[in-house]
């Protein structure tokens, strides 16, 4: 896996729980693992060595190794200039669903449909 940085992206859910994501290049080849993933546009701040991330799309998968082939939101992700994929490995489907919903309800993503 090709990490962009050793730093992590912290995402806060509606519950106020914080989730730490590793940051990778879009061309990274992943092994089979369940995870929450977030496509972001990583932007260097004008001062210092810090970066901001614009949230583009959040999803979940049981298999990172195949999930991004012909992604159903690929056009929107490209249109919004995503340049990173952030990964939080999560073992069970139940946990992935809970975390994904918490993150989606607590944040705005340009390419996700809104949750009620």
PDB file of N, CA and C in Angstrom:
ATOM      1  N   UNK A   1       0.838  -1.175   0.000  1.00  0.00           N
ATOM      2  CA  UNK A   1       0.000   0.000   0.000  1.00  0.00           C
ATOM      3  C   UNK A   1       0.885   1.240   0.000  1.00  0.00           C
ATOM      4  N   UNK A   2       0.485   2.260  -0.742  1.00  0.00           N
ATOM      5  CA  UNK A   2       1.271   3.478  -0.881  1.00  0.00           C
ATOM      6  C   UNK A   2       0.690   4.597  -0.028  1.00  0.00           C
ATOM      7  N   UNK A   3       1.198   4.705   1.197  1.00  0.00           N
ATOM      8  CA  UNK A   3       0.733   5.767   2.077  1.00  0.00           C
ATOM      9  C   UNK A   3       1.256   7.107   1.576  1.00  0.00           C
ATOM     10  N   UNK A   4       0.412   8.129   1.664  1.00  0.00           N
ATOM     11  CA  UNK A   4       0.805   9.480   1.304  1.00  0.00           C
ATOM     12  C   UNK A   4       1.643  10.078   2.423  1.00  0.00           C
ATOM     13  N   UNK A   5       1.302   9.739   3.664  1.00  0.00           N
ATOM     14  CA  UNK A   5       1.938  10.302   4.845  1.00  0.00           C
ATOM     15  C   UNK A   5       1.748   9.346   6.019  1.00  0.00           C
ATOM     16  N   UNK A   6       2.563   9.499   7.026  1.00  0.00           N
ATOM     17  CA  UNK A   6       2.349   8.726   8.254  1.00  0.00           C
ATOM     18  C   UNK A   6       1.273   9.364   9.117  1.00  0.00           C
ATOM     19  N   UNK A   7       0.948  10.628   8.836  1.00  0.00           N
ATOM     20  CA  UNK A   7      -0.149  11.293   9.548  1.00  0.00           C
ATOM     21  C   UNK A   7      -1.458  10.596   9.203  1.00  0.00           C
ATOM     22  N   UNK A   8      -2.435  10.762  10.052  1.00  0.00           N
ATOM     23  CA  UNK A   8      -3.748  10.170   9.811  1.00  0.00           C
ATOM     24  C   UNK A   8      -4.807  11.270   9.700  1.00  0.00           C
ATOM     25  N   UNK A   9      -5.879  10.945   9.010  1.00  0.00           N
ATOM     26  CA  UNK A   9      -7.026  11.832   8.918  1.00  0.00           C
ATOM     27  C   UNK A   9      -7.989  11.452  10.032  1.00  0.00           C
ATOM     28  N   UNK A  10      -8.330  12.409  10.875  1.00  0.00           N
ATOM     29  CA  UNK A  10      -9.302  12.176  11.932  1.00  0.00           C
ATOM     30  C   UNK A  10     -10.655  12.686  11.465  1.00  0.00           C
ATOM     31  N   UNK A  11     -11.644  11.802  11.497  1.00  0.00           N
ATOM     32  CA  UNK A  11     -13.007  12.140  11.088  1.00  0.00           C
ATOM     33  C   UNK A  11     -13.909  11.939  12.298  1.00  0.00           C
ATOM     34  N   UNK A  12     -14.706  12.947  12.611  1.00  0.00           N
ATOM     35  CA  UNK A  12     -15.610  12.878  13.746  1.00  0.00           C
ATOM     36  C   UNK A  12     -17.014  12.568  13.256  1.00  0.00           C
ATOM     37  N   UNK A  13     -17.634  11.560  13.855  1.00  0.00           N
ATOM     38  CA  UNK A  13     -18.996  11.189  13.498  1.00  0.00           C
ATOM     39  C   UNK A  13     -20.016  12.037  14.232  1.00  0.00           C
ATOM     40  N   UNK A  14     -21.272  11.842  13.906  1.00  0.00           N
ATOM     41  CA  UNK A  14     -22.360  12.562  14.576  1.00  0.00           C
ATOM     42  C   UNK A  14     -22.340  12.295  16.081  1.00  0.00           C
ATOM     43  N   UNK A  15     -21.916  11.094  16.464  1.00  0.00           N
ATOM     44  CA  UNK A  15     -21.839  10.700  17.875  1.00  0.00           C
ATOM     45  C   UNK A  15     -20.699  11.397  18.616  1.00  0.00           C
ATOM     46  N   UNK A  16     -19.891  12.149  17.887  1.00  0.00           N
ATOM     47  CA  UNK A  16     -18.672  12.819  18.397  1.00  0.00           C
ATOM     48  C   UNK A  16     -17.503  11.851  18.556  1.00  0.00           C
ATOM     49  N   UNK A  17     -17.690  10.596  18.178  1.00  0.00           N
ATOM     50  CA  UNK A  17     -16.589   9.641  18.205  1.00  0.00           C
ATOM     51  C   UNK A  17     -15.633   9.975  17.064  1.00  0.00           C
ATOM     52  N   UNK A  18     -14.337   9.873  17.338  1.00  0.00           N
ATOM     53  CA  UNK A  18     -13.316  10.152  16.330  1.00  0.00           C
ATOM     54  C   UNK A  18     -12.794   8.854  15.734  1.00  0.00           C
ATOM     55  N   UNK A  19     -12.614   8.875  14.416  1.00  0.00           N
ATOM     56  CA  UNK A  19     -12.108   7.729  13.672  1.00  0.00           C
ATOM     57  C   UNK A  19     -10.819   8.151  12.971  1.00  0.00           C
ATOM     58  N   UNK A  20      -9.791   7.317  13.054  1.00  0.00           N
ATOM     59  CA  UNK A  20      -8.485   7.620  12.468  1.00  0.00           C
ATOM     60  C   UNK A  20      -8.294   6.800  11.194  1.00  0.00           C
ATOM     61  N   UNK A  21      -8.087   7.502  10.079  1.00  0.00           N
ATOM     62  CA  UNK A  21      -7.922   6.880   8.770  1.00  0.00           C
ATOM     63  C   UNK A  21      -6.491   7.038   8.280  1.00  0.00           C
ATOM     64  N   UNK A  22      -5.937   5.975   7.705  1.00  0.00           N
ATOM     65  CA  UNK A  22      -4.655   6.060   7.014  1.00  0.00           C
ATOM     66  C   UNK A  22      -4.908   6.633   5.625  1.00  0.00           C
ATOM     67  N   UNK A  23      -3.954   7.388   5.100  1.00  0.00           N
ATOM     68  CA  UNK A  23      -4.128   8.123   3.851  1.00  0.00           C
ATOM     69  C   UNK A  23      -3.252   7.502   2.763  1.00  0.00           C
ATOM     70  N   UNK A  24      -3.866   7.143   1.618  1.00  0.00           N
ATOM     71  CA  UNK A  24      -3.182   6.456   0.531  1.00  0.00           C
ATOM     72  C   UNK A  24      -3.393   7.169  -0.801  1.00  0.00           C
ATOM     73  N   UNK A  25      -2.534   6.867  -1.752  1.00  0.00           N
ATOM     74  CA  UNK A  25      -2.717   7.350  -3.117  1.00  0.00           C
ATOM     75  C   UNK A  25      -3.852   6.574  -3.769  1.00  0.00           C
ATOM     76  N   UNK A  26      -4.454   7.168  -4.794  1.00  0.00           N
ATOM     77  CA  UNK A  26      -5.587   6.521  -5.462  1.00  0.00           C
ATOM     78  C   UNK A  26      -5.195   5.248  -6.203  1.00  0.00           C
ATOM     79  N   UNK A  27      -3.934   5.128  -6.584  1.00  0.00           N
ATOM     80  CA  UNK A  27      -3.507   3.946  -7.343  1.00  0.00           C
ATOM     81  C   UNK A  27      -3.035   2.793  -6.448  1.00  0.00           C
ATOM     82  N   UNK A  28      -3.224   2.923  -5.138  1.00  0.00           N
ATOM     83  CA  UNK A  28      -2.815   1.876  -4.208  1.00  0.00           C
ATOM     84  C   UNK A  28      -3.587   0.590  -4.471  1.00  0.00           C
ATOM     85  N   UNK A  29      -2.888  -0.525  -4.469  1.00  0.00           N
ATOM     86  CA  UNK A  29      -3.508  -1.851  -4.572  1.00  0.00           C
ATOM     87  C   UNK A  29      -3.637  -2.397  -3.153  1.00  0.00           C
ATOM     88  N   UNK A  30      -4.861  -2.666  -2.751  1.00  0.00           N
ATOM     89  CA  UNK A  30      -5.118  -3.113  -1.390  1.00  0.00           C
ATOM     90  C   UNK A  30      -5.273  -4.627  -1.326  1.00  0.00           C
ATOM     91  N   UNK A  31      -5.020  -5.178  -0.145  1.00  0.00           N
ATOM     92  CA  UNK A  31      -5.255  -6.596   0.117  1.00  0.00           C
ATOM     93  C   UNK A  31      -6.720  -6.762   0.508  1.00  0.00           C
ATOM     94  N   UNK A  32      -7.184  -7.985   0.509  1.00  0.00           N
ATOM     95  CA  UNK A  32      -8.571  -8.253   0.892  1.00  0.00           C
ATOM     96  C   UNK A  32      -8.743  -7.948   2.380  1.00  0.00           C
ATOM     97  N   UNK A  33      -9.601  -6.977   2.666  1.00  0.00           N
ATOM     98  CA  UNK A  33      -9.897  -6.594   4.046  1.00  0.00           C
ATOM     99  C   UNK A  33     -11.162  -5.756   4.043  1.00  0.00           C
ATOM    100  N   UNK A  34     -11.924  -5.844   5.120  1.00  0.00           N
ATOM    101  CA  UNK A  34     -13.101  -5.009   5.282  1.00  0.00           C
ATOM    102  C   UNK A  34     -12.694  -3.643   5.791  1.00  0.00           C
ATOM    103  N   UNK A  35     -13.397  -2.595   5.318  1.00  0.00           N
ATOM    104  CA  UNK A  35     -12.991  -1.245   5.705  1.00  0.00           C
ATOM    105  C   UNK A  35     -14.073  -0.218   5.414  1.00  0.00           C
ATOM    106  N   UNK A  36     -13.909   0.924   6.055  1.00  0.00           N
ATOM    107  CA  UNK A  36     -14.581   2.166   5.681  1.00  0.00           C
ATOM    108  C   UNK A  36     -13.543   2.913   4.849  1.00  0.00           C
ATOM    109  N   UNK A  37     -13.989   3.553   3.767  1.00  0.00           N
ATOM    110  CA  UNK A  37     -13.065   4.321   2.942  1.00  0.00           C
ATOM    111  C   UNK A  37     -13.665   5.688   2.643  1.00  0.00           C
ATOM    112  N   UNK A  38     -12.792   6.669   2.519  1.00  0.00           N
ATOM    113  CA  UNK A  38     -13.207   8.029   2.195  1.00  0.00           C
ATOM    114  C   UNK A  38     -12.301   8.561   1.096  1.00  0.00           C
ATOM    115  N   UNK A  39     -12.913   8.955  -0.024  1.00  0.00           N
ATOM    116  CA  UNK A  39     -12.175   9.666  -1.055  1.00  0.00           C
ATOM    117  C   UNK A  39     -12.125  11.131  -0.646  1.00  0.00           C
ATOM    118  N   UNK A  40     -10.932  11.731  -0.698  1.00  0.00           N
ATOM    119  CA  UNK A  40     -10.779  13.138  -0.341  1.00  0.00           C
ATOM    120  C   UNK A  40      -9.940  13.873  -1.381  1.00  0.00           C
ATOM    121  N   UNK A  41     -10.084  15.177  -1.359  1.00  0.00           N
ATOM    122  CA  UNK A  41      -9.179  16.045  -2.085  1.00  0.00           C
ATOM    123  C   UNK A  41      -8.267  16.651  -1.024  1.00  0.00           C
ATOM    124  N   UNK A  42      -7.006  16.239  -1.025  1.00  0.00           N
ATOM    125  CA  UNK A  42      -6.026  16.693  -0.034  1.00  0.00           C
ATOM    126  C   UNK A  42      -5.379  17.966  -0.559  1.00  0.00           C
ATOM    127  N   UNK A  43      -5.441  19.033   0.249  1.00  0.00           N
ATOM    128  CA  UNK A  43      -4.968  20.345  -0.173  1.00  0.00           C
ATOM    129  C   UNK A  43      -3.965  20.877   0.848  1.00  0.00           C
ATOM    130  N   UNK A  44      -2.793  21.279   0.369  1.00  0.00           N
ATOM    131  CA  UNK A  44      -1.769  21.845   1.251  1.00  0.00           C
ATOM    132  C   UNK A  44      -2.206  23.230   1.697  1.00  0.00           C
ATOM    133  N   UNK A  45      -2.094  23.500   2.998  1.00  0.00           N
ATOM    134  CA  UNK A  45      -2.408  24.826   3.508  1.00  0.00           C
ATOM    135  C   UNK A  45      -1.343  25.810   3.052  1.00  0.00           C
ATOM    136  N   UNK A  46      -1.691  27.075   2.996  1.00  0.00           N
ATOM    137  CA  UNK A  46      -0.766  28.087   2.475  1.00  0.00           C
ATOM    138  C   UNK A  46       0.463  28.287   3.359  1.00  0.00           C
ATOM    139  N   UNK A  47       0.356  27.986   4.632  1.00  0.00           N
ATOM    140  CA  UNK A  47       1.512  28.100   5.527  1.00  0.00           C
ATOM    141  C   UNK A  47       1.772  26.773   6.213  1.00  0.00           C
ATOM    142  N   UNK A  48       3.018  26.493   6.470  1.00  0.00           N
ATOM    143  CA  UNK A  48       3.384  25.275   7.188  1.00  0.00           C
ATOM    144  C   UNK A  48       3.296  24.031   6.326  1.00  0.00           C
ATOM    145  N   UNK A  49       3.361  22.886   6.986  1.00  0.00           N
ATOM    146  CA  UNK A  49       3.324  21.597   6.298  1.00  0.00           C
ATOM    147  C   UNK A  49       2.008  20.863   6.546  1.00  0.00           C
ATOM    148  N   UNK A  50       0.948  21.588   6.821  1.00  0.00           N
ATOM    149  CA  UNK A  50      -0.341  20.975   7.114  1.00  0.00           C
ATOM    150  C   UNK A  50      -1.208  20.883   5.869  1.00  0.00           C
ATOM    151  N   UNK A  51      -2.142  19.932   5.907  1.00  0.00           N
ATOM    152  CA  UNK A  51      -3.055  19.699   4.794  1.00  0.00           C
ATOM    153  C   UNK A  51      -4.485  19.678   5.302  1.00  0.00           C
ATOM    154  N   UNK A  52      -5.401  20.086   4.449  1.00  0.00           N
ATOM    155  CA  UNK A  52      -6.835  19.932   4.684  1.00  0.00           C
ATOM    156  C   UNK A  52      -7.354  18.869   3.735  1.00  0.00           C
ATOM    157  N   UNK A  53      -8.458  18.269   4.101  1.00  0.00           N
ATOM    158  CA  UNK A  53      -9.102  17.283   3.235  1.00  0.00           C
ATOM    159  C   UNK A  53     -10.541  17.706   2.983  1.00  0.00           C
ATOM    160  N   UNK A  54     -10.899  17.864   1.718  1.00  0.00           N
ATOM    161  CA  UNK A  54     -12.297  18.052   1.344  1.00  0.00           C
ATOM    162  C   UNK A  54     -12.899  16.665   1.173  1.00  0.00           C
ATOM    163  N   UNK A  55     -14.006  16.405   1.859  1.00  0.00           N
ATOM    164  CA  UNK A  55     -14.650  15.100   1.783  1.00  0.00           C
ATOM    165  C   UNK A  55     -15.411  14.965   0.470  1.00  0.00           C
ATOM    166  N   UNK A  56     -15.113  13.895  -0.262  1.00  0.00           N
ATOM    167  CA  UNK A  56     -15.749  13.660  -1.546  1.00  0.00           C
ATOM    168  C   UNK A  56     -16.771  12.522  -1.441  1.00  0.00           C
ATOM    169  N   UNK A  57     -16.352  11.350  -0.947  1.00  0.00           N
ATOM    170  CA  UNK A  57     -17.259  10.205  -0.865  1.00  0.00           C
ATOM    171  C   UNK A  57     -16.831   9.281   0.267  1.00  0.00           C
ATOM    172  N   UNK A  58     -17.815   8.763   1.009  1.00  0.00           N
ATOM    173  CA  UNK A  58     -17.564   7.793   2.076  1.00  0.00           C
ATOM    174  C   UNK A  58     -18.360   6.530   1.782  1.00  0.00           C
ATOM    175  N   UNK A  59     -17.713   5.385   1.951  1.00  0.00           N
ATOM    176  CA  UNK A  59     -18.380   4.108   1.747  1.00  0.00           C
ATOM    177  C   UNK A  59     -17.764   3.023   2.603  1.00  0.00           C
ATOM    178  N   UNK A  60     -18.277   1.817   2.423  1.00  0.00           N
ATOM    179  CA  UNK A  60     -17.762   0.657   3.154  1.00  0.00           C
ATOM    180  C   UNK A  60     -17.616  -0.494   2.182  1.00  0.00           C
ATOM    181  N   UNK A  61     -16.750  -1.422   2.526  1.00  0.00           N
ATOM    182  CA  UNK A  61     -16.550  -2.602   1.696  1.00  0.00           C
ATOM    183  C   UNK A  61     -16.091  -3.769   2.558  1.00  0.00           C
ATOM    184  N   UNK A  62     -16.390  -4.965   2.087  1.00  0.00           N
ATOM    185  CA  UNK A  62     -15.853  -6.161   2.764  1.00  0.00           C
ATOM    186  C   UNK A  62     -14.563  -6.610   2.102  1.00  0.00           C
ATOM    187  N   UNK A  63     -14.217  -5.990   0.949  1.00  0.00           N
ATOM    188  CA  UNK A  63     -13.018  -6.401   0.218  1.00  0.00           C
ATOM    189  C   UNK A  63     -12.372  -5.207  -0.500  1.00  0.00           C
ATOM    190  N   UNK A  64     -11.406  -4.599   0.169  1.00  0.00           N
ATOM    191  CA  UNK A  64     -10.687  -3.456  -0.413  1.00  0.00           C
ATOM    192  C   UNK A  64      -9.996  -3.792  -1.731  1.00  0.00           C
ATOM    193  N   UNK A  65      -9.666  -5.055  -1.930  1.00  0.00           N
ATOM    194  CA  UNK A  65      -8.894  -5.429  -3.127  1.00  0.00           C
ATOM    195  C   UNK A  65      -9.707  -5.309  -4.413  1.00  0.00           C
ATOM    196  N   UNK A  66     -11.041  -5.292  -4.307  1.00  0.00           N
ATOM    197  CA  UNK A  66     -11.860  -5.225  -5.527  1.00  0.00           C
ATOM    198  C   UNK A  66     -12.878  -4.095  -5.524  1.00  0.00           C
ATOM    199  N   UNK A  67     -13.074  -3.408  -4.443  1.00  0.00           N
ATOM    200  CA  UNK A  67     -14.177  -2.459  -4.304  1.00  0.00           C
ATOM    201  C   UNK A  67     -14.124  -1.293  -5.286  1.00  0.00           C
ATOM    202  N   UNK A  68     -12.964  -0.880  -5.749  1.00  0.00           N
ATOM    203  CA  UNK A  68     -12.855   0.355  -6.520  1.00  0.00           C
ATOM    204  C   UNK A  68     -12.862   0.141  -8.030  1.00  0.00           C
ATOM    205  N   UNK A  69     -12.975  -1.119  -8.453  1.00  0.00           N
ATOM    206  CA  UNK A  69     -13.114  -1.400  -9.876  1.00  0.00           C
ATOM    207  C   UNK A  69     -14.510  -0.962 -10.306  1.00  0.00           C
ATOM    208  N   UNK A  70     -14.580   0.007 -11.219  1.00  0.00           N
ATOM    209  CA  UNK A  70     -15.865   0.507 -11.716  1.00  0.00           C
ATOM    210  C   UNK A  70     -16.790   0.975 -10.588  1.00  0.00           C
ATOM    211  N   UNK A  71     -16.267   1.793  -9.692  1.00  0.00           N
ATOM    212  CA  UNK A  71     -17.051   2.308  -8.559  1.00  0.00           C
ATOM    213  C   UNK A  71     -18.270   3.070  -9.080  1.00  0.00           C
ATOM    214  N   UNK A  72     -19.414   2.880  -8.460  1.00  0.00           N
ATOM    215  CA  UNK A  72     -20.664   3.487  -8.923  1.00  0.00           C
ATOM    216  C   UNK A  72     -20.676   5.015  -8.835  1.00  0.00           C
ATOM    217  N   UNK A  73     -19.770   5.624  -8.081  1.00  0.00           N
ATOM    218  CA  UNK A  73     -19.678   7.083  -7.973  1.00  0.00           C
ATOM    219  C   UNK A  73     -18.378   7.617  -8.600  1.00  0.00           C
ATOM    220  N   UNK A  74     -17.768   6.816  -9.455  1.00  0.00           N
ATOM    221  CA  UNK A  74     -16.478   7.178 -10.047  1.00  0.00           C
ATOM    222  C   UNK A  74     -16.505   8.535 -10.750  1.00  0.00           C
ATOM    223  N   UNK A  75     -17.541   8.812 -11.532  1.00  0.00           N
ATOM    224  CA  UNK A  75     -17.609  10.084 -12.249  1.00  0.00           C
ATOM    225  C   UNK A  75     -17.632  11.266 -11.283  1.00  0.00           C
ATOM    226  N   UNK A  76     -18.421  11.183 -10.240  1.00  0.00           N
ATOM    227  CA  UNK A  76     -18.510  12.253  -9.255  1.00  0.00           C
ATOM    228  C   UNK A  76     -17.187  12.412  -8.496  1.00  0.00           C
ATOM    229  N   UNK A  77     -16.566  11.300  -8.151  1.00  0.00           N
ATOM    230  CA  UNK A  77     -15.288  11.330  -7.429  1.00  0.00           C
ATOM    231  C   UNK A  77     -14.231  12.030  -8.283  1.00  0.00           C
ATOM    232  N   UNK A  78     -14.163  11.696  -9.566  1.00  0.00           N
ATOM    233  CA  UNK A  78     -13.203  12.338 -10.472  1.00  0.00           C
ATOM    234  C   UNK A  78     -13.532  13.812 -10.670  1.00  0.00           C
ATOM    235  N   UNK A  79     -14.812  14.130 -10.836  1.00  0.00           N
ATOM    236  CA  UNK A  79     -15.251  15.515 -11.048  1.00  0.00           C
ATOM    237  C   UNK A  79     -14.848  16.407  -9.875  1.00  0.00           C
ATOM    238  N   UNK A  80     -14.813  15.837  -8.678  1.00  0.00           N
ATOM    239  CA  UNK A  80     -14.457  16.591  -7.475  1.00  0.00           C
ATOM    240  C   UNK A  80     -12.968  16.501  -7.133  1.00  0.00           C
ATOM    241  N   UNK A  81     -12.190  16.005  -8.083  1.00  0.00           N
ATOM    242  CA  UNK A  81     -10.723  16.001  -7.987  1.00  0.00           C
ATOM    243  C   UNK A  81     -10.161  15.285  -6.763  1.00  0.00           C
ATOM    244  N   UNK A  82     -10.790  14.167  -6.389  1.00  0.00           N
ATOM    245  CA  UNK A  82     -10.238  13.373  -5.285  1.00  0.00           C
ATOM    246  C   UNK A  82      -8.823  12.939  -5.648  1.00  0.00           C
ATOM    247  N   UNK A  83      -7.914  13.048  -4.693  1.00  0.00           N
ATOM    248  CA  UNK A  83      -6.532  12.644  -4.934  1.00  0.00           C
ATOM    249  C   UNK A  83      -5.990  11.706  -3.861  1.00  0.00           C
ATOM    250  N   UNK A  84      -6.848  11.322  -2.910  1.00  0.00           N
ATOM    251  CA  UNK A  84      -6.462  10.384  -1.850  1.00  0.00           C
ATOM    252  C   UNK A  84      -7.631   9.464  -1.528  1.00  0.00           C
ATOM    253  N   UNK A  85      -7.285   8.323  -0.987  1.00  0.00           N
ATOM    254  CA  UNK A  85      -8.297   7.446  -0.404  1.00  0.00           C
ATOM    255  C   UNK A  85      -7.840   7.133   1.016  1.00  0.00           C
ATOM    256  N   UNK A  86      -8.724   7.374   1.962  1.00  0.00           N
ATOM    257  CA  UNK A  86      -8.408   7.207   3.379  1.00  0.00           C
ATOM    258  C   UNK A  86      -9.118   5.946   3.870  1.00  0.00           C
ATOM    259  N   UNK A  87      -8.384   5.116   4.592  1.00  0.00           N
ATOM    260  CA  UNK A  87      -8.852   3.772   4.950  1.00  0.00           C
ATOM    261  C   UNK A  87      -8.854   3.560   6.460  1.00  0.00           C
ATOM    262  N   UNK A  88      -9.966   3.015   6.951  1.00  0.00           N
ATOM    263  CA  UNK A  88     -10.083   2.543   8.323  1.00  0.00           C
ATOM    264  C   UNK A  88     -10.520   1.089   8.247  1.00  0.00           C
ATOM    265  N   UNK A  89      -9.612   0.170   8.558  1.00  0.00           N
ATOM    266  CA  UNK A  89      -9.978  -1.245   8.489  1.00  0.00           C
ATOM    267  C   UNK A  89     -10.918  -1.583   9.635  1.00  0.00           C
ATOM    268  N   UNK A  90     -12.024  -2.267   9.288  1.00  0.00           N
ATOM    269  CA  UNK A  90     -13.055  -2.651  10.249  1.00  0.00           C
ATOM    270  C   UNK A  90     -13.474  -4.074   9.907  1.00  0.00           C
ATOM    271  N   UNK A  91     -13.397  -4.958  10.881  1.00  0.00           N
ATOM    272  CA  UNK A  91     -13.566  -6.383  10.618  1.00  0.00           C
ATOM    273  C   UNK A  91     -14.981  -6.818  10.270  1.00  0.00           C
ATOM    274  N   UNK A  92     -15.981  -6.391  11.042  1.00  0.00           N
ATOM    275  CA  UNK A  92     -17.324  -6.942  10.841  1.00  0.00           C
ATOM    276  C   UNK A  92     -18.236  -5.994  10.064  1.00  0.00           C
ATOM    277  N   UNK A  93     -19.191  -6.573   9.354  1.00  0.00           N
ATOM    278  CA  UNK A  93     -20.169  -5.786   8.593  1.00  0.00           C
ATOM    279  C   UNK A  93     -20.981  -4.889   9.521  1.00  0.00           C
ATOM    280  N   UNK A  94     -21.360  -5.416  10.681  1.00  0.00           N
ATOM    281  CA  UNK A  94     -22.143  -4.623  11.635  1.00  0.00           C
ATOM    282  C   UNK A  94     -21.381  -3.371  12.065  1.00  0.00           C
ATOM    283  N   UNK A  95     -20.108  -3.535  12.401  1.00  0.00           N
ATOM    284  CA  UNK A  95     -19.285  -2.373  12.795  1.00  0.00           C
ATOM    285  C   UNK A  95     -19.122  -1.394  11.638  1.00  0.00           C
ATOM    286  N   UNK A  96     -18.894  -1.914  10.419  1.00  0.00           N
ATOM    287  CA  UNK A  96     -18.742  -1.042   9.251  1.00  0.00           C
ATOM    288  C   UNK A  96     -19.999  -0.207   9.033  1.00  0.00           C
ATOM    289  N   UNK A  97     -21.153  -0.838   9.132  1.00  0.00           N
ATOM    290  CA  UNK A  97     -22.419  -0.127   8.932  1.00  0.00           C
ATOM    291  C   UNK A  97     -22.596   0.965   9.979  1.00  0.00           C
ATOM    292  N   UNK A  98     -22.340   0.648  11.229  1.00  0.00           N
ATOM    293  CA  UNK A  98     -22.483   1.618  12.320  1.00  0.00           C
ATOM    294  C   UNK A  98     -21.554   2.811  12.125  1.00  0.00           C
ATOM    295  N   UNK A  99     -20.291   2.536  11.805  1.00  0.00           N
ATOM    296  CA  UNK A  99     -19.306   3.613  11.631  1.00  0.00           C
ATOM    297  C   UNK A  99     -19.639   4.449  10.401  1.00  0.00           C
ATOM    298  N   UNK A 100     -19.972   3.801   9.293  1.00  0.00           N
ATOM    299  CA  UNK A 100     -20.308   4.537   8.074  1.00  0.00           C
ATOM    300  C   UNK A 100     -21.484   5.481   8.328  1.00  0.00           C
ATOM    301  N   UNK A 101     -22.537   4.997   8.962  1.00  0.00           N
ATOM    302  CA  UNK A 101     -23.705   5.833   9.246  1.00  0.00           C
ATOM    303  C   UNK A 101     -23.336   6.997  10.157  1.00  0.00           C
ATOM    304  N   UNK A 102     -22.524   6.761  11.173  1.00  0.00           N
ATOM    305  CA  UNK A 102     -22.103   7.811  12.089  1.00  0.00           C
ATOM    306  C   UNK A 102     -21.333   8.902  11.334  1.00  0.00           C
ATOM    307  N   UNK A 103     -20.415   8.487  10.478  1.00  0.00           N
ATOM    308  CA  UNK A 103     -19.619   9.442   9.714  1.00  0.00           C
ATOM    309  C   UNK A 103     -20.487  10.209   8.725  1.00  0.00           C
ATOM    310  N   UNK A 104     -21.352   9.518   8.000  1.00  0.00           N
ATOM    311  CA  UNK A 104     -22.198  10.187   7.005  1.00  0.00           C
ATOM    312  C   UNK A 104     -23.178  11.166   7.651  1.00  0.00           C
ATOM    313  N   UNK A 105     -23.709  10.817   8.804  1.00  0.00           N
ATOM    314  CA  UNK A 105     -24.664  11.709   9.476  1.00  0.00           C
ATOM    315  C   UNK A 105     -23.978  12.914  10.111  1.00  0.00           C
ATOM    316  N   UNK A 106     -22.676  12.817  10.354  1.00  0.00           N
ATOM    317  CA  UNK A 106     -21.955  13.897  11.011  1.00  0.00           C
ATOM    318  C   UNK A 106     -21.144  14.778  10.081  1.00  0.00           C
ATOM    319  N   UNK A 107     -21.139  14.483   8.789  1.00  0.00           N
ATOM    320  CA  UNK A 107     -20.292  15.213   7.842  1.00  0.00           C
ATOM    321  C   UNK A 107     -21.005  15.348   6.504  1.00  0.00           C
ATOM    322  N   UNK A 108     -20.487  16.242   5.683  1.00  0.00           N
ATOM    323  CA  UNK A 108     -21.009  16.427   4.328  1.00  0.00           C
ATOM    324  C   UNK A 108     -20.021  15.865   3.319  1.00  0.00           C
ATOM    325  N   UNK A 109     -20.512  15.013   2.443  1.00  0.00           N
ATOM    326  CA  UNK A 109     -19.712  14.434   1.377  1.00  0.00           C
ATOM    327  C   UNK A 109     -20.343  14.817   0.054  1.00  0.00           C
ATOM    328  N   UNK A 110     -19.553  15.306  -0.879  1.00  0.00           N
ATOM    329  CA  UNK A 110     -20.066  15.826  -2.146  1.00  0.00           C
ATOM    330  C   UNK A 110     -20.780  14.777  -2.993  1.00  0.00           C
ATOM    331  N   UNK A 111     -20.375  13.524  -2.908  1.00  0.00           N
ATOM    332  CA  UNK A 111     -20.908  12.502  -3.811  1.00  0.00           C
ATOM    333  C   UNK A 111     -21.824  11.484  -3.152  1.00  0.00           C
ATOM    334  N   UNK A 112     -22.037  11.585  -1.843  1.00  0.00           N
ATOM    335  CA  UNK A 112     -22.941  10.658  -1.160  1.00  0.00           C
ATOM    336  C   UNK A 112     -24.362  11.171  -1.197  1.00  0.00           C
ATOM    337  N   UNK A 113     -25.304  10.233  -1.259  1.00  0.00           N
ATOM    338  CA  UNK A 113     -26.701  10.574  -1.064  1.00  0.00           C
ATOM    339  C   UNK A 113     -26.887  10.793   0.438  1.00  0.00           C
ATOM    340  N   UNK A 114     -27.725  11.706   0.821  1.00  0.00           N
ATOM    341  CA  UNK A 114     -27.928  12.035   2.231  1.00  0.00           C
ATOM    342  C   UNK A 114     -28.674  10.920   2.947  1.00  0.00           C
ATOM    343  N   UNK A 115     -28.276  10.654   4.197  1.00  0.00           N
ATOM    344  CA  UNK A 115     -28.991   9.697   5.042  1.00  0.00           C
ATOM    345  C   UNK A 115     -30.052  10.426   5.837  1.00  0.00           C
ATOM    346  N   UNK A 116     -31.162   9.763   6.067  1.00  0.00           N
ATOM    347  CA  UNK A 116     -32.234  10.362   6.894  1.00  0.00           C
ATOM    348  C   UNK A 116     -31.975  10.076   8.347  1.00  0.00           C
TER     349      UNK A 116
END
